[in-house]
């Protein structure tokens, strides 16, 4: 019992340090991939409750010039808080919020527990007069889907920053945060890019946590994007961390192959793993790599081999049987390690 006050005091001190670091936009702990963990392993990350007047001031009364985008579910604005911290604000009408209230609450429940350099920070929220708002850190380079094809990003940044950064973020969700989070809707548009192209995973509206000690969970309703969703989740409503591995490597293959470009050009309806496996079987691995990547100015032969290695790793992760897929930590090791890769089955 003598340690109880010390633990409480430590929890308060840590919270204060985190708060001021976040507000001055330095985020030093993000670069270390540290979560805030106090008292019995519970994550303590209090979301800020904004007043509507603060958000109106941040967005110049939600002006057209600050509009980022619109969808059926919400409207997104860029804003700047009084301390200079740049934010993106999702604004929901009363009808929109009623339609997706469950997803918004799930977003707050899960994202509010996370603090990592490769996870978009949910700063806070606001509710006023039937309207609802969610406030996030602002991502200067939009989503990964805006940079998939014809992008001027060079391969070293794609591989070292974007691919490995997404992998680190997914591994954090699966294992490192201690909560067993499976995203369930991981795709290029749910990866946002900071000003230096650091990737950050967003949109936890349908994400789920695995029950304690469980390796698998189920959902009542499947929501997902064809091609990026693992087959066991799409067909039988089952999910595990291996479902997240599947989605990650489809993004990896999309980056490397220009899959959607193939779809449009050839009216191809096969998922990217089937397309790549077909080329692999016939010894045409070089055709898997998007020529705009492989033939870009300054790309070396060793970098092209690096691209091929990524494809090899990806093929191990799209096994139909999730038990045969590696964990995310193993995927990271294989991406970084130059040792031979064993195992290759038909997806």
Protein backbone atom coordinates (compact mmCIF):
# COMPACT_ATOMS: atom_id res chain seq x y z
CA UNK A 1 0.00 0.00 0.00
CA UNK A 2 2.95 2.34 0.52
CA UNK A 3 3.57 2.41 -3.25
CA UNK A 4 0.05 3.52 -4.15
CA UNK A 5 0.63 7.30 -3.77
CA UNK A 6 3.91 7.07 -5.71
CA UNK A 7 2.20 5.33 -8.63
CA UNK A 8 -0.54 7.93 -8.67
CA UNK A 9 1.95 10.77 -8.53
CA UNK A 10 3.99 9.24 -11.35
CA UNK A 11 0.89 8.91 -13.47
CA UNK A 12 0.10 12.61 -13.05
CA UNK A 13 3.64 13.70 -13.88
CA UNK A 14 3.78 11.60 -17.02
CA UNK A 15 0.43 12.96 -18.19
CA UNK A 16 1.57 16.57 -17.78
CA UNK A 17 4.79 15.97 -19.71
CA UNK A 18 2.93 14.28 -22.58
CA UNK A 19 0.38 17.06 -22.79
CA UNK A 20 2.87 19.91 -23.17
CA UNK A 21 5.03 18.02 -25.60
CA UNK A 22 2.01 17.35 -27.79
CA UNK A 23 0.87 20.96 -27.68
CA UNK A 24 4.17 22.44 -28.85
CA UNK A 25 4.14 20.05 -31.80
CA UNK A 26 7.55 18.51 -31.07
CA UNK A 27 6.20 15.04 -30.27
CA UNK A 28 9.56 13.68 -29.06
CA UNK A 29 8.00 10.50 -27.69
CA UNK A 30 6.38 9.76 -31.04
CA UNK A 31 9.84 9.27 -32.51
CA UNK A 32 10.51 6.63 -29.87
CA UNK A 33 7.23 4.82 -30.51
CA UNK A 34 6.28 5.10 -26.81
CA UNK A 35 2.78 4.63 -25.45
CA UNK A 36 1.60 6.27 -22.26
CA UNK A 37 1.17 3.43 -19.77
CA UNK A 38 0.46 3.92 -16.08
CA UNK A 39 -1.00 2.05 -13.14
CA UNK A 40 -1.67 -1.59 -13.86
CA UNK A 41 -0.88 -1.40 -17.56
CA UNK A 42 -3.86 0.83 -18.40
CA UNK A 43 -3.37 3.34 -21.21
CA UNK A 44 -4.23 6.83 -20.09
CA UNK A 45 -4.66 9.36 -22.87
CA UNK A 46 -7.33 11.95 -22.22
CA UNK A 47 -8.91 13.46 -25.32
CA UNK A 48 -9.32 17.20 -25.25
CA UNK A 49 -12.89 18.50 -25.21
CA UNK A 50 -13.07 21.52 -27.52
CA UNK A 51 -15.60 24.33 -27.50
CA UNK A 52 -17.23 25.03 -30.86
CA UNK A 53 -15.86 28.59 -30.74
CA UNK A 54 -12.31 27.19 -30.65
CA UNK A 55 -12.91 25.18 -33.81
CA UNK A 56 -14.63 28.12 -35.53
CA UNK A 57 -11.61 30.29 -34.78
CA UNK A 58 -9.24 27.56 -35.98
CA UNK A 59 -11.02 27.22 -39.34
CA UNK A 60 -12.13 30.82 -39.91
CA UNK A 61 -15.73 29.74 -39.31
CA UNK A 62 -15.29 26.58 -41.39
CA UNK A 63 -14.53 28.65 -44.47
CA UNK A 64 -14.38 27.26 -48.00
CA UNK A 65 -10.66 28.01 -48.20
CA UNK A 66 -10.03 25.61 -45.33
CA UNK A 67 -12.09 22.80 -46.83
CA UNK A 68 -10.04 19.62 -47.37
CA UNK A 69 -12.73 17.26 -48.59
CA UNK A 70 -16.30 16.03 -48.33
CA UNK A 71 -17.93 12.60 -48.19
CA UNK A 72 -21.33 11.15 -47.38
CA UNK A 73 -20.26 10.73 -43.74
CA UNK A 74 -18.52 14.04 -42.93
CA UNK A 75 -16.77 17.20 -44.12
CA UNK A 76 -13.08 17.78 -43.33
CA UNK A 77 -11.46 21.16 -42.70
CA UNK A 78 -7.92 22.29 -42.04
CA UNK A 79 -7.44 24.42 -38.95
CA UNK A 80 -4.85 25.97 -36.70
CA UNK A 81 -5.32 26.11 -32.93
CA UNK A 82 -4.37 29.17 -30.92
CA UNK A 83 -0.98 27.67 -30.06
CA UNK A 84 -0.18 27.15 -33.76
CA UNK A 85 -0.83 23.39 -33.78
CA UNK A 86 -2.24 22.41 -37.19
CA UNK A 87 -5.26 20.12 -37.18
CA UNK A 88 -7.73 18.42 -39.49
CA UNK A 89 -11.32 18.62 -38.26
CA UNK A 90 -14.03 16.16 -39.26
CA UNK A 91 -17.41 17.85 -39.05
CA UNK A 92 -20.59 15.75 -38.84
CA UNK A 93 -24.09 17.06 -39.33
CA UNK A 94 -26.74 15.80 -36.93
CA UNK A 95 -27.98 13.29 -39.51
CA UNK A 96 -24.46 12.14 -40.41
CA UNK A 97 -23.54 11.62 -36.77
CA UNK A 98 -26.67 9.59 -36.12
CA UNK A 99 -25.78 7.35 -39.07
CA UNK A 100 -22.22 6.68 -37.94
CA UNK A 101 -22.32 7.28 -34.20
CA UNK A 102 -21.18 3.74 -33.41
CA UNK A 103 -18.15 4.12 -35.68
CA UNK A 104 -17.27 7.52 -34.20
CA UNK A 105 -17.42 6.11 -30.68
CA UNK A 106 -15.26 3.16 -31.70
CA UNK A 107 -12.74 5.58 -33.21
CA UNK A 108 -12.50 7.50 -29.96
CA UNK A 109 -12.33 4.35 -27.86
CA UNK A 110 -9.43 2.85 -29.82
CA UNK A 111 -7.53 5.85 -31.21
CA UNK A 112 -7.71 7.54 -27.82
CA UNK A 113 -5.58 4.74 -26.36
CA UNK A 114 -2.80 5.03 -28.94
CA UNK A 115 0.33 7.17 -29.03
CA UNK A 116 2.90 6.27 -31.67
CA UNK A 117 4.82 8.00 -34.45
CA UNK A 118 3.04 5.89 -37.11
CA UNK A 119 -0.50 6.40 -35.79
CA UNK A 120 -2.48 9.58 -36.53
CA UNK A 121 -3.17 11.41 -33.29
CA UNK A 122 -6.79 12.00 -32.35
CA UNK A 123 -6.39 15.26 -30.43
CA UNK A 124 -9.95 15.72 -29.21
CA UNK A 125 -13.61 16.17 -30.05
CA UNK A 126 -16.53 18.55 -29.74
CA UNK A 127 -20.30 18.22 -29.54
CA UNK A 128 -22.54 21.23 -29.94
CA UNK A 129 -26.19 21.67 -30.90
CA UNK A 130 -26.50 18.23 -32.44
CA UNK A 131 -23.30 18.67 -34.45
CA UNK A 132 -20.17 16.59 -33.78
CA UNK A 133 -16.50 17.16 -34.51
CA UNK A 134 -13.32 15.09 -34.29
CA UNK A 135 -9.95 16.86 -34.24
CA UNK A 136 -6.78 15.19 -35.57
CA UNK A 137 -3.21 16.23 -36.17
CA UNK A 138 -2.91 17.59 -39.70
CA UNK A 139 -1.20 15.49 -42.38
CA UNK A 140 0.44 17.72 -44.99
CA UNK A 141 0.76 15.14 -47.78
CA UNK A 142 -2.76 13.71 -47.68
CA UNK A 143 -3.23 9.96 -48.02
CA UNK A 144 -1.06 7.29 -49.58
CA UNK A 145 -3.72 6.77 -52.26
CA UNK A 146 -2.84 10.24 -53.61
CA UNK A 147 0.75 9.09 -54.24
CA UNK A 148 0.37 5.57 -55.60
CA UNK A 149 1.00 6.17 -59.29
CA UNK A 150 3.00 8.82 -61.04
CA UNK A 151 4.40 9.95 -57.69
CA UNK A 152 7.77 11.67 -57.58
CA UNK A 153 8.68 10.02 -54.28
CA UNK A 154 11.97 8.15 -54.71
CA UNK A 155 12.33 4.45 -53.88
CA UNK A 156 14.59 4.92 -50.80
CA UNK A 157 11.88 7.02 -49.14
CA UNK A 158 9.13 4.63 -50.28
CA UNK A 159 10.98 1.66 -48.80
CA UNK A 160 12.70 3.09 -45.73
CA UNK A 161 10.07 5.58 -44.63
CA UNK A 162 6.69 4.58 -46.03
CA UNK A 163 6.73 0.77 -46.31
CA UNK A 164 8.68 0.14 -43.12
CA UNK A 165 6.81 2.90 -41.28
CA UNK A 166 3.44 1.31 -42.07
CA UNK A 167 4.82 -2.09 -41.01
CA UNK A 168 6.04 -0.65 -37.70
CA UNK A 169 2.64 0.95 -37.12
CA UNK A 170 0.78 -2.30 -37.80
CA UNK A 171 3.18 -4.22 -35.54
CA UNK A 172 2.50 -1.65 -32.82
CA UNK A 173 -1.25 -2.21 -33.15
CA UNK A 174 -0.93 -6.01 -33.15
CA UNK A 175 1.69 -6.55 -30.46
CA UNK A 176 3.55 -3.57 -29.05
CA UNK A 177 0.62 -1.58 -27.65
CA UNK A 178 -0.53 -4.64 -25.70
CA UNK A 179 -4.13 -4.33 -26.88
CA UNK A 180 -4.21 -6.73 -29.84
CA UNK A 181 -5.78 -4.21 -32.23
CA UNK A 182 -6.70 -5.35 -35.73
CA UNK A 183 -7.46 -2.42 -38.03
CA UNK A 184 -9.88 -4.32 -40.35
CA UNK A 185 -9.99 -1.55 -42.97
CA UNK A 186 -6.33 -0.99 -43.80
CA UNK A 187 -5.91 0.38 -47.33
CA UNK A 188 -4.02 3.25 -49.02
CA UNK A 189 -6.60 5.87 -48.07
CA UNK A 190 -6.25 4.94 -44.37
CA UNK A 191 -2.53 5.74 -44.47
CA UNK A 192 -1.83 9.48 -44.16
CA UNK A 193 1.55 11.08 -44.84
CA UNK A 194 3.18 13.76 -42.67
CA UNK A 195 5.23 16.60 -44.21
CA UNK A 196 8.34 14.35 -44.27
CA UNK A 197 6.29 11.43 -45.65
CA UNK A 198 6.22 9.59 -42.33
CA UNK A 199 3.18 7.30 -42.73
CA UNK A 200 0.48 7.36 -40.08
CA UNK A 201 -2.38 4.89 -39.84
CA UNK A 202 -5.82 6.43 -39.38
CA UNK A 203 -9.53 5.50 -39.35
CA UNK A 204 -10.17 3.09 -36.48
CA UNK A 205 -13.94 3.31 -36.90
CA UNK A 206 -14.40 -0.45 -37.43
CA UNK A 207 -11.20 -1.66 -35.77
CA UNK A 208 -11.42 -4.36 -33.14
CA UNK A 209 -9.46 -5.64 -30.20
CA UNK A 210 -8.79 -9.31 -29.76
CA UNK A 211 -10.20 -10.67 -26.49
CA UNK A 212 -7.59 -11.40 -23.81
CA UNK A 213 -5.42 -14.39 -24.75
CA UNK A 214 -7.52 -15.01 -27.88
CA UNK A 215 -5.85 -15.44 -31.25
CA UNK A 216 -9.02 -14.83 -33.23
CA UNK A 217 -12.23 -12.83 -33.05
CA UNK A 218 -15.45 -12.49 -35.04
CA UNK A 219 -17.68 -9.61 -36.15
CA UNK A 220 -21.39 -9.43 -36.84
CA UNK A 221 -21.05 -7.46 -40.06
CA UNK A 222 -18.16 -7.34 -42.53
CA UNK A 223 -17.11 -3.91 -43.77
CA UNK A 224 -14.10 -3.84 -46.03
CA UNK A 225 -12.58 -3.00 -49.39
CA UNK A 226 -12.34 -5.76 -51.94
CA UNK A 227 -8.76 -6.82 -52.60
CA UNK A 228 -7.38 -5.36 -49.36
CA UNK A 229 -9.49 -7.47 -46.99
CA UNK A 230 -8.29 -10.89 -45.84
CA UNK A 231 -10.38 -13.80 -47.18
CA UNK A 232 -11.20 -15.28 -43.75
CA UNK A 233 -12.64 -11.93 -42.67
CA UNK A 234 -14.56 -11.34 -45.87
CA UNK A 235 -15.98 -14.87 -46.14
CA UNK A 236 -16.49 -16.02 -42.55
CA UNK A 237 -16.33 -12.84 -40.40
CA UNK A 238 -13.22 -14.11 -38.59
CA UNK A 239 -10.23 -11.86 -37.93
CA UNK A 240 -6.81 -12.07 -36.30
CA UNK A 241 -3.52 -10.20 -36.45
CA UNK A 242 -2.82 -12.27 -39.58
CA UNK A 243 -5.74 -10.46 -41.24
CA UNK A 244 -3.83 -7.23 -40.68
CA UNK A 245 -0.69 -8.76 -42.17
CA UNK A 246 -2.66 -9.64 -45.31
CA UNK A 247 -3.97 -6.09 -45.72
CA UNK A 248 -0.52 -4.59 -45.17
CA UNK A 249 1.15 -6.62 -47.91
CA UNK A 250 -1.63 -5.86 -50.39
CA UNK A 251 -0.77 -2.18 -49.84
CA UNK A 252 2.89 -3.11 -50.32
CA UNK A 253 2.09 -4.89 -53.59
CA UNK A 254 -0.06 -1.97 -54.73
CA UNK A 255 2.88 0.39 -54.17
CA UNK A 256 5.24 -1.87 -56.10
CA UNK A 257 3.11 -3.11 -58.96
CA UNK A 258 0.67 -0.36 -59.85
CA UNK A 259 -2.14 -2.90 -59.53
CA UNK A 260 -5.00 -0.45 -60.00
CA UNK A 261 -3.29 0.76 -63.19
CA UNK A 262 -3.32 -2.86 -64.43
CA UNK A 263 -7.00 -3.10 -63.53
CA UNK A 264 -7.91 -0.04 -65.55
CA UNK A 265 -5.73 -0.93 -68.54
CA UNK A 266 -6.74 -4.58 -68.82
CA UNK A 267 -10.13 -4.60 -67.12
CA UNK A 268 -8.53 -7.04 -64.68
CA UNK A 269 -10.76 -8.24 -61.84
CA UNK A 270 -8.24 -10.50 -60.13
CA UNK A 271 -6.80 -9.32 -56.79
CA UNK A 272 -3.21 -8.14 -56.85
CA UNK A 273 -1.82 -11.27 -55.19
CA UNK A 274 -3.24 -13.45 -57.98
CA UNK A 275 -1.79 -11.12 -60.60
CA UNK A 276 1.66 -11.21 -58.95
CA UNK A 277 1.59 -14.96 -58.33
CA UNK A 278 0.84 -15.58 -62.01
CA UNK A 279 3.89 -13.56 -63.03
CA UNK A 280 6.03 -15.23 -60.37
CA UNK A 281 5.11 -18.74 -61.55
CA UNK A 282 6.11 -17.94 -65.11
CA UNK A 283 9.45 -16.43 -64.09
CA UNK A 284 8.41 -12.88 -64.93
CA UNK A 285 9.10 -11.30 -61.56
CA UNK A 286 10.59 -8.21 -63.19
CA UNK A 287 7.17 -7.54 -64.74
CA UNK A 288 5.66 -7.32 -61.26
CA UNK A 289 7.47 -4.08 -60.55
CA UNK A 290 5.84 -0.90 -61.82
CA UNK A 291 8.20 0.34 -64.58
CA UNK A 292 7.75 3.88 -63.31
CA UNK A 293 9.50 2.73 -60.14
CA UNK A 294 12.05 0.36 -61.63
CA UNK A 295 13.12 2.77 -64.39
CA UNK A 296 13.00 5.99 -62.41
CA UNK A 297 16.04 8.22 -62.59
CA UNK A 298 18.74 7.15 -60.16
CA UNK A 299 17.33 3.71 -59.34
CA UNK A 300 20.16 1.19 -58.94
CA UNK A 301 20.21 -2.53 -59.67
CA UNK A 302 20.38 -3.27 -55.94
CA UNK A 303 17.25 -1.19 -55.37
CA UNK A 304 15.39 -3.15 -58.06
CA UNK A 305 16.45 -6.33 -56.25
CA UNK A 306 15.09 -4.76 -53.06
CA UNK A 307 11.75 -4.25 -54.81
CA UNK A 308 11.71 -7.90 -55.91
CA UNK A 309 12.50 -8.99 -52.35
CA UNK A 310 9.51 -7.01 -51.09
CA UNK A 311 7.30 -8.87 -53.57
CA UNK A 312 8.73 -12.21 -52.39
CA UNK A 313 7.98 -11.31 -48.76
CA UNK A 314 4.48 -10.21 -49.74
CA UNK A 315 3.68 -13.53 -51.41
CA UNK A 316 4.37 -15.29 -48.11
CA UNK A 317 1.77 -13.07 -46.43
CA UNK A 318 -1.22 -13.61 -48.71
CA UNK A 319 -1.65 -17.30 -47.93
CA UNK A 320 -5.33 -18.24 -47.83
CA UNK A 321 -4.74 -20.00 -44.50
CA UNK A 322 -3.90 -17.25 -41.98
CA UNK A 323 -1.89 -19.72 -39.87
CA UNK A 324 0.65 -19.90 -42.70
CA UNK A 325 1.23 -16.12 -42.77
CA UNK A 326 4.09 -14.66 -40.74
CA UNK A 327 3.53 -12.21 -37.88
CA UNK A 328 4.16 -8.53 -38.54
CA UNK A 329 7.42 -8.63 -36.58
CA UNK A 330 8.65 -11.40 -38.91
CA UNK A 331 7.59 -9.37 -41.94
CA UNK A 332 9.65 -6.43 -40.66
CA UNK A 333 12.66 -8.66 -40.11
CA UNK A 334 12.43 -10.10 -43.63
CA UNK A 335 12.09 -6.64 -45.17
CA UNK A 336 15.19 -5.42 -43.36
CA UNK A 337 17.29 -8.60 -43.53
CA UNK A 338 19.21 -9.68 -46.61
CA UNK A 339 19.26 -13.36 -45.67
CA UNK A 340 17.52 -15.85 -48.02
CA UNK A 341 13.73 -16.09 -47.80
CA UNK A 342 12.31 -19.59 -47.62
CA UNK A 343 8.82 -20.75 -48.52
CA UNK A 344 6.60 -19.81 -51.39
CA UNK A 345 3.13 -21.19 -51.92
CA UNK A 346 0.33 -20.34 -54.27
CA UNK A 347 -1.97 -17.70 -52.75
